[in-house]
Amino acid sequence: MQCSRIRTALSARADGEALPPDVDGPALDAHLAGCPECRRWERQVQRLREFTGSAEEADPGAEGLLAALRAALDGDGETGGTGQGESRAG
């Protein structure tokens, strides 16, 4: 199964929505067991869900929000630099 279909299903699962008709729970779990990239993507989705839940409780402003979002995506709490694949607008 293509990773793009799995990631669509993971997004639906995280949002509490029904899985796409061509992806069932066992197929999703089987793909995750064998695909480290999709497991990493799933962890990022989970961290973002946790972050957005906590962001509703506080208003850190634009810079604080950006720093917290970067930390959530990195998963390490560090916000000092850009990670692989990130770009910064000037």
C-alpha atoms as a PDB file:
ATOM      1  CA  MET A   1       0.000   0.000   0.000  1.00  0.00           C
ATOM      2  CA  GLN A   2       1.268   3.491  -0.811  1.00  0.00           C
ATOM      3  CA  CYS A   3       2.526   5.637   2.033  1.00  0.00           C
ATOM      4  CA  SER A   4       0.348   8.534   0.871  1.00  0.00           C
ATOM      5  CA  ARG A   5      -2.797   6.452   1.449  1.00  0.00           C
ATOM      6  CA  ILE A   6      -1.506   5.367   4.861  1.00  0.00           C
ATOM      7  CA  ARG A   7      -0.774   8.956   5.869  1.00  0.00           C
ATOM      8  CA  THR A   8      -4.268  10.013   4.819  1.00  0.00           C
ATOM      9  CA  ALA A   9      -5.640   7.219   7.001  1.00  0.00           C
ATOM     10  CA  LEU A  10      -3.379   8.221   9.909  1.00  0.00           C
ATOM     11  CA  SER A  11      -4.605  11.782   9.660  1.00  0.00           C
ATOM     12  CA  ALA A  12      -8.206  10.584   9.718  1.00  0.00           C
ATOM     13  CA  ARG A  13      -7.499   8.335  12.705  1.00  0.00           C
ATOM     14  CA  ALA A  14      -5.839  11.193  14.619  1.00  0.00           C
ATOM     15  CA  ASP A  15      -8.820  13.448  13.936  1.00  0.00           C
ATOM     16  CA  GLY A  16     -11.300  10.797  15.045  1.00  0.00           C
ATOM     17  CA  GLU A  17     -12.660  10.413  11.517  1.00  0.00           C
ATOM     18  CA  ALA A  18     -13.474   7.234   9.617  1.00  0.00           C
ATOM     19  CA  LEU A  19     -10.615   5.622   7.731  1.00  0.00           C
ATOM     20  CA  PRO A  20     -10.707   5.844   3.934  1.00  0.00           C
ATOM     21  CA  PRO A  21     -12.701   2.961   2.422  1.00  0.00           C
ATOM     22  CA  ASP A  22      -9.624   1.305   0.932  1.00  0.00           C
ATOM     23  CA  VAL A  23      -7.690   1.218   4.234  1.00  0.00           C
ATOM     24  CA  ASP A  24      -8.782  -0.797   7.243  1.00  0.00           C
ATOM     25  CA  GLY A  25      -7.255  -0.831  10.715  1.00  0.00           C
ATOM     26  CA  PRO A  26      -5.289  -4.094  10.357  1.00  0.00           C
ATOM     27  CA  ALA A  27      -3.796  -3.000   7.005  1.00  0.00           C
ATOM     28  CA  LEU A  28      -2.851   0.344   8.514  1.00  0.00           C
ATOM     29  CA  ASP A  29      -1.166  -1.303  11.500  1.00  0.00           C
ATOM     30  CA  ALA A  30       0.629  -3.821   9.272  1.00  0.00           C
ATOM     31  CA  HIS A  31       2.022  -1.038   7.100  1.00  0.00           C
ATOM     32  CA  LEU A  32       3.197   0.892  10.171  1.00  0.00           C
ATOM     33  CA  ALA A  33       4.968  -2.200  11.469  1.00  0.00           C
ATOM     34  CA  GLY A  34       7.097  -2.318   8.328  1.00  0.00           C
ATOM     35  CA  CYS A  35       7.510   1.364   7.414  1.00  0.00           C
ATOM     36  CA  PRO A  36       9.718   3.541   9.616  1.00  0.00           C
ATOM     37  CA  GLU A  37       8.892   6.690   7.624  1.00  0.00           C
ATOM     38  CA  CYS A  38       5.144   6.316   8.241  1.00  0.00           C
ATOM     39  CA  ARG A  39       5.780   5.560  11.925  1.00  0.00           C
ATOM     40  CA  ARG A  40       7.815   8.768  12.145  1.00  0.00           C
ATOM     41  CA  TRP A  41       5.007  10.664  10.380  1.00  0.00           C
ATOM     42  CA  GLU A  42       2.475   9.208  12.825  1.00  0.00           C
ATOM     43  CA  ARG A  43       4.584  10.372  15.795  1.00  0.00           C
ATOM     44  CA  GLN A  44       4.733  13.884  14.335  1.00  0.00           C
ATOM     45  CA  VAL A  45       0.957  13.919  13.921  1.00  0.00           C
ATOM     46  CA  GLN A  46       0.558  12.820  17.535  1.00  0.00           C
ATOM     47  CA  ARG A  47       2.954  15.528  18.766  1.00  0.00           C
ATOM     48  CA  LEU A  48       1.108  18.169  16.755  1.00  0.00           C
ATOM     49  CA  ARG A  49      -2.233  17.024  18.186  1.00  0.00           C
ATOM     50  CA  GLU A  50      -0.789  17.262  21.704  1.00  0.00           C
ATOM     51  CA  PHE A  51       0.669  20.677  20.933  1.00  0.00           C
ATOM     52  CA  THR A  52      -2.519  22.095  19.487  1.00  0.00           C
ATOM     53  CA  GLY A  53      -4.415  20.868  22.534  1.00  0.00           C
ATOM     54  CA  SER A  54      -2.017  22.670  24.879  1.00  0.00           C
ATOM     55  CA  ALA A  55      -1.865  25.765  22.646  1.00  0.00           C
ATOM     56  CA  GLU A  56      -5.565  26.325  23.193  1.00  0.00           C
ATOM     57  CA  GLU A  57      -4.787  26.893  26.875  1.00  0.00           C
ATOM     58  CA  ALA A  58      -2.130  29.573  26.336  1.00  0.00           C
ATOM     59  CA  ASP A  59      -1.467  32.403  23.888  1.00  0.00           C
ATOM     60  CA  PRO A  60       2.325  32.618  23.503  1.00  0.00           C
ATOM     61  CA  GLY A  61       2.220  35.079  20.598  1.00  0.00           C
ATOM     62  CA  ALA A  62       3.560  34.425  17.119  1.00  0.00           C
ATOM     63  CA  GLU A  63       7.223  33.856  18.037  1.00  0.00           C
ATOM     64  CA  GLY A  64       6.389  31.633  20.996  1.00  0.00           C
ATOM     65  CA  LEU A  65       3.945  29.655  18.892  1.00  0.00           C
ATOM     66  CA  LEU A  66       6.517  29.165  16.147  1.00  0.00           C
ATOM     67  CA  ALA A  67       9.169  28.056  18.652  1.00  0.00           C
ATOM     68  CA  ALA A  68       6.789  25.621  20.346  1.00  0.00           C
ATOM     69  CA  LEU A  69       5.701  24.208  16.997  1.00  0.00           C
ATOM     70  CA  ARG A  70       9.317  23.642  15.951  1.00  0.00           C
ATOM     71  CA  ALA A  71      10.008  21.928  19.268  1.00  0.00           C
ATOM     72  CA  ALA A  72       6.957  19.695  18.845  1.00  0.00           C
ATOM     73  CA  LEU A  73       8.054  18.665  15.359  1.00  0.00           C
ATOM     74  CA  ASP A  74      11.648  18.054  16.451  1.00  0.00           C
ATOM     75  CA  GLY A  75      10.466  16.117  19.475  1.00  0.00           C
ATOM     76  CA  ASP A  76      13.475  17.183  21.468  1.00  0.00           C
ATOM     77  CA  GLY A  77      12.420  20.499  22.974  1.00  0.00           C
ATOM     78  CA  GLU A  78      15.221  22.368  21.178  1.00  0.00           C
ATOM     79  CA  THR A  79      14.178  25.467  19.258  1.00  0.00           C
ATOM     80  CA  GLY A  80      17.483  27.104  18.469  1.00  0.00           C
ATOM     81  CA  GLY A  81      18.070  26.004  14.889  1.00  0.00           C
ATOM     82  CA  THR A  82      16.356  24.766  11.837  1.00  0.00           C
ATOM     83  CA  GLY A  83      15.971  21.049  11.331  1.00  0.00           C
ATOM     84  CA  GLN A  84      16.513  19.147   8.138  1.00  0.00           C
ATOM     85  CA  GLY A  85      14.153  20.286   5.440  1.00  0.00           C
ATOM     86  CA  GLU A  86      13.151  23.500   7.185  1.00  0.00           C
ATOM     87  CA  SER A  87      13.483  26.869   5.568  1.00  0.00           C
ATOM     88  CA  ARG A  88      13.220  30.305   7.038  1.00  0.00           C
ATOM     89  CA  ALA A  89      11.706  33.322   5.386  1.00  0.00           C
ATOM     90  CA  GLY A  90      13.760  36.466   5.715  1.00  0.00           C
END
